[in-house]
Protein backbone atom coordinates (compact mmCIF):
# COMPACT_ATOMS: atom_id res chain seq x y z
CA UNK A 1 94.54 101.27 94.30
CA UNK A 2 91.49 99.79 96.35
CA UNK A 3 88.68 101.27 94.36
CA UNK A 4 90.93 100.27 91.27
CA UNK A 5 90.31 96.34 92.77
CA UNK A 6 86.69 96.92 93.08
CA UNK A 7 87.17 97.23 97.04
CA UNK A 8 86.11 99.93 99.63
CA UNK A 9 88.66 101.40 101.62
CA UNK A 10 88.92 103.84 104.55
CA UNK A 11 92.32 105.23 105.56
CA UNK A 12 92.99 104.71 109.59
CA UNK A 13 96.35 106.58 110.04
CA UNK A 14 100.04 105.64 109.40
CA UNK A 15 102.38 104.50 111.66
CA UNK A 16 106.13 105.84 112.32
CA UNK A 17 109.34 104.77 111.97
CA UNK A 18 112.10 106.38 114.15
CA UNK A 19 113.98 107.72 111.01
CA UNK A 20 111.22 109.46 110.06
CA UNK A 21 110.58 111.21 113.59
CA UNK A 22 114.11 112.34 113.05
CA UNK A 23 114.18 113.57 109.67
CA UNK A 24 111.09 115.41 110.06
CA UNK A 25 112.47 118.45 112.13
CA UNK A 26 116.09 118.14 110.39
CA UNK A 27 114.38 118.84 106.56
CA UNK A 28 111.22 119.95 106.50
CA UNK A 29 111.72 123.26 106.11
CA UNK A 30 114.35 122.70 103.48
CA UNK A 31 111.72 120.35 101.22
CA UNK A 32 109.19 123.38 101.53
CA UNK A 33 112.05 125.31 100.02
CA UNK A 34 112.94 122.91 97.10
CA UNK A 35 111.66 123.96 93.98
CA UNK A 36 111.60 120.57 92.58
CA UNK A 37 109.21 119.39 95.14
CA UNK A 38 105.82 118.66 93.39
CA UNK A 39 102.76 120.78 94.43
CA UNK A 40 100.97 117.50 95.62
CA UNK A 41 104.17 116.66 98.34
CA UNK A 42 104.57 120.19 99.26
CA UNK A 43 100.94 120.25 100.23
CA UNK A 44 101.37 117.51 102.27
CA UNK A 45 104.28 118.69 104.39
CA UNK A 46 102.51 122.02 104.68
CA UNK A 47 99.48 120.35 106.41
CA UNK A 48 101.54 118.15 108.62
CA UNK A 49 100.63 118.96 112.36
CA UNK A 50 101.55 117.50 115.73
CA UNK A 51 99.94 115.58 118.47
CA UNK A 52 100.32 116.00 122.05
CA UNK A 53 103.62 113.91 122.21
CA UNK A 54 105.08 115.71 119.08
CA UNK A 55 103.97 112.87 116.29
CA UNK A 56 103.34 114.01 113.03
CA UNK A 57 99.46 114.13 112.23
CA UNK A 58 97.91 114.69 108.62
CA UNK A 59 94.42 115.78 108.54
CA UNK A 60 93.51 114.41 112.14
CA UNK A 61 95.38 111.07 111.64
CA UNK A 62 99.02 109.73 112.44
CA UNK A 63 101.20 110.23 109.51
CA UNK A 64 104.04 108.00 109.06
CA UNK A 65 105.81 105.52 106.19
CA UNK A 66 103.35 102.96 106.93
CA UNK A 67 99.51 103.05 106.01
CA UNK A 68 96.97 101.47 108.04
CA UNK A 69 93.39 100.69 105.96
CA UNK A 70 89.91 99.25 106.69
CA UNK A 71 89.22 97.42 103.44
CA UNK A 72 85.86 95.60 102.70
CA UNK A 73 84.08 94.21 99.60
CA UNK A 74 81.18 96.15 98.79
CA UNK A 75 77.74 94.43 99.45
């Protein structure tokens, strides 16, 4: 979306909801067993790790419902 608008963007990480923190341990394995789950989403769930406090991380950045980006206008 950012590039489509002619801008440059960098994903900085996500912010988490209390519900997400509850859902991940409850539904992670079931989601991975669900045949209707698209491969892109399956890969994302598979790649989730946890930081020292148990917060979900994806590729070294916090993963959550909200995304934080740096957006710049190209020079």
